[in-house]
Amino acid sequence: MPSGVDVLTAAAAGEAALAERGYVISRREGTAGRMVVVGRTPAAGWRRHTDRTVTFRAIRRMRGVRVEVVISPLPNEAESRAVLAAALGRVGG
């Protein structure tokens, strides 16, 4: 994240990026030093095999805020980068 962005702002940007991409926020927890936001695809019924979970973590480090985007059950680098780019765009990065 760009310098000057705190953990709570980064997490809010991540949450907004997930919602913008159609994920339903299923969990949001943490502190001013570490936040986790989890989004799920809104799949139901027989399409359960297409469910994805995206975990957006923002962690305060010595040199700023570190962000991780993890998609499961199958990693998807393009989607991870898209979520990260959307979050960065929201904080001016």
C-alpha atoms as a PDB file:
ATOM      1  CA  MET A   1       0.000   0.000   0.000  1.00  0.00           C
ATOM      2  CA  PRO A   2       1.169   3.563  -0.532  1.00  0.00           C
ATOM      3  CA  SER A   3       2.822   5.251   2.437  1.00  0.00           C
ATOM      4  CA  GLY A   4       0.408   6.992   4.764  1.00  0.00           C
ATOM      5  CA  VAL A   5      -2.341   4.371   4.357  1.00  0.00           C
ATOM      6  CA  ASP A   6      -3.282   2.692   7.629  1.00  0.00           C
ATOM      7  CA  VAL A   7      -4.576  -0.850   8.142  1.00  0.00           C
ATOM      8  CA  LEU A   8      -8.221   0.152   8.571  1.00  0.00           C
ATOM      9  CA  THR A   9      -8.199   2.225   5.379  1.00  0.00           C
ATOM     10  CA  ALA A  10      -6.518  -0.603   3.445  1.00  0.00           C
ATOM     11  CA  ALA A  11      -9.096  -3.107   4.744  1.00  0.00           C
ATOM     12  CA  ALA A  12     -11.980  -0.792   3.811  1.00  0.00           C
ATOM     13  CA  ALA A  13     -10.518  -0.446   0.305  1.00  0.00           C
ATOM     14  CA  GLY A  14     -10.193  -4.227   0.078  1.00  0.00           C
ATOM     15  CA  GLU A  15     -13.768  -4.739   1.225  1.00  0.00           C
ATOM     16  CA  ALA A  16     -15.044  -2.230  -1.325  1.00  0.00           C
ATOM     17  CA  ALA A  17     -12.981  -3.911  -4.070  1.00  0.00           C
ATOM     18  CA  LEU A  18     -14.451  -7.315  -3.195  1.00  0.00           C
ATOM     19  CA  ALA A  19     -18.011  -5.969  -3.148  1.00  0.00           C
ATOM     20  CA  GLU A  20     -17.424  -4.188  -6.460  1.00  0.00           C
ATOM     21  CA  ARG A  21     -16.351  -7.510  -8.003  1.00  0.00           C
ATOM     22  CA  GLY A  22     -19.538  -9.242  -6.801  1.00  0.00           C
ATOM     23  CA  TYR A  23     -18.288 -10.993  -3.672  1.00  0.00           C
ATOM     24  CA  VAL A  24     -20.484 -11.196  -0.582  1.00  0.00           C
ATOM     25  CA  ILE A  25     -18.596 -10.172   2.557  1.00  0.00           C
ATOM     26  CA  SER A  26     -18.849 -13.086   4.989  1.00  0.00           C
ATOM     27  CA  ARG A  27     -16.342 -12.000   7.634  1.00  0.00           C
ATOM     28  CA  ARG A  28     -14.605  -8.832   8.768  1.00  0.00           C
ATOM     29  CA  GLU A  29     -12.428  -8.815  11.863  1.00  0.00           C
ATOM     30  CA  GLY A  30      -9.254  -7.453  13.332  1.00  0.00           C
ATOM     31  CA  THR A  31      -7.638  -4.491  14.995  1.00  0.00           C
ATOM     32  CA  ALA A  32      -5.897  -1.291  13.953  1.00  0.00           C
ATOM     33  CA  GLY A  33      -2.766  -3.411  13.377  1.00  0.00           C
ATOM     34  CA  ARG A  34      -4.242  -6.334  11.455  1.00  0.00           C
ATOM     35  CA  MET A  35      -7.506  -6.764   9.538  1.00  0.00           C
ATOM     36  CA  VAL A  36      -9.005  -9.693   7.647  1.00  0.00           C
ATOM     37  CA  VAL A  37     -11.899  -9.366   5.198  1.00  0.00           C
ATOM     38  CA  VAL A  38     -13.364 -12.506   3.623  1.00  0.00           C
ATOM     39  CA  GLY A  39     -15.611 -12.486   0.574  1.00  0.00           C
ATOM     40  CA  ARG A  40     -17.451 -15.402  -1.039  1.00  0.00           C
ATOM     41  CA  THR A  41     -19.015 -15.890  -4.432  1.00  0.00           C
ATOM     42  CA  PRO A  42     -22.815 -15.803  -4.247  1.00  0.00           C
ATOM     43  CA  ALA A  43     -23.214 -19.367  -5.639  1.00  0.00           C
ATOM     44  CA  ALA A  44     -25.939 -21.711  -4.413  1.00  0.00           C
ATOM     45  CA  GLY A  45     -27.454 -25.134  -4.996  1.00  0.00           C
ATOM     46  CA  TRP A  46     -25.784 -27.517  -7.416  1.00  0.00           C
ATOM     47  CA  ARG A  47     -23.190 -24.889  -8.356  1.00  0.00           C
ATOM     48  CA  ARG A  48     -21.364 -25.254  -5.030  1.00  0.00           C
ATOM     49  CA  HIS A  49     -18.278 -26.474  -6.898  1.00  0.00           C
ATOM     50  CA  THR A  50     -17.859 -22.962  -8.294  1.00  0.00           C
ATOM     51  CA  ASP A  51     -17.724 -21.309  -4.861  1.00  0.00           C
ATOM     52  CA  ARG A  52     -14.625 -19.214  -4.239  1.00  0.00           C
ATOM     53  CA  THR A  53     -13.418 -17.506  -1.122  1.00  0.00           C
ATOM     54  CA  VAL A  54     -11.190 -14.431  -1.255  1.00  0.00           C
ATOM     55  CA  THR A  55      -9.273 -13.460   1.870  1.00  0.00           C
ATOM     56  CA  PHE A  56      -7.942  -9.897   1.974  1.00  0.00           C
ATOM     57  CA  ARG A  57      -5.433  -9.274   4.789  1.00  0.00           C
ATOM     58  CA  ALA A  58      -3.935  -5.931   5.751  1.00  0.00           C
ATOM     59  CA  ILE A  59      -1.090  -6.044   8.281  1.00  0.00           C
ATOM     60  CA  ARG A  60       0.908  -3.172   9.763  1.00  0.00           C
ATOM     61  CA  ARG A  61       4.665  -3.579   9.265  1.00  0.00           C
ATOM     62  CA  MET A  62       7.643  -1.378  10.099  1.00  0.00           C
ATOM     63  CA  ARG A  63       7.618   0.216   6.632  1.00  0.00           C
ATOM     64  CA  GLY A  64       3.878   0.542   6.129  1.00  0.00           C
ATOM     65  CA  VAL A  65       0.969  -1.770   5.456  1.00  0.00           C
ATOM     66  CA  ARG A  66       1.365  -5.138   3.785  1.00  0.00           C
ATOM     67  CA  VAL A  67      -1.616  -6.547   1.882  1.00  0.00           C
ATOM     68  CA  GLU A  68      -2.257 -10.173   0.937  1.00  0.00           C
ATOM     69  CA  VAL A  69      -5.011 -11.444  -1.357  1.00  0.00           C
ATOM     70  CA  VAL A  70      -5.584 -15.212  -1.295  1.00  0.00           C
ATOM     71  CA  ILE A  71      -8.195 -17.046  -3.360  1.00  0.00           C
ATOM     72  CA  SER A  72      -9.285 -20.560  -2.470  1.00  0.00           C
ATOM     73  CA  PRO A  73      -9.912 -23.395  -3.042  1.00  0.00           C
ATOM     74  CA  LEU A  74      -7.978 -22.874  -6.297  1.00  0.00           C
ATOM     75  CA  PRO A  75      -5.525 -19.957  -6.520  1.00  0.00           C
ATOM     76  CA  ASN A  76      -6.229 -17.439  -9.276  1.00  0.00           C
ATOM     77  CA  GLU A  77      -3.450 -14.930  -9.818  1.00  0.00           C
ATOM     78  CA  ALA A  78      -5.384 -12.800 -12.298  1.00  0.00           C
ATOM     79  CA  GLU A  79      -8.311 -12.381  -9.884  1.00  0.00           C
ATOM     80  CA  SER A  80      -5.945 -11.700  -6.960  1.00  0.00           C
ATOM     81  CA  ARG A  81      -4.222  -8.965  -8.952  1.00  0.00           C
ATOM     82  CA  ALA A  82      -7.569  -7.492 -10.020  1.00  0.00           C
ATOM     83  CA  VAL A  83      -8.744  -7.270  -6.389  1.00  0.00           C
ATOM     84  CA  LEU A  84      -5.427  -5.724  -5.342  1.00  0.00           C
ATOM     85  CA  ALA A  85      -5.519  -3.213  -8.217  1.00  0.00           C
ATOM     86  CA  ALA A  86      -9.080  -2.191  -7.309  1.00  0.00           C
ATOM     87  CA  ALA A  87      -8.084  -1.720  -3.657  1.00  0.00           C
ATOM     88  CA  LEU A  88      -5.020   0.331  -4.634  1.00  0.00           C
ATOM     89  CA  GLY A  89      -7.154   2.463  -6.914  1.00  0.00           C
ATOM     90  CA  ARG A  90      -9.397   3.316  -3.989  1.00  0.00           C
ATOM     91  CA  VAL A  91      -6.507   4.595  -1.841  1.00  0.00           C
ATOM     92  CA  GLY A  92      -4.728   6.428  -4.639  1.00  0.00           C
ATOM     93  CA  GLY A  93      -1.978   3.892  -5.315  1.00  0.00           C
END
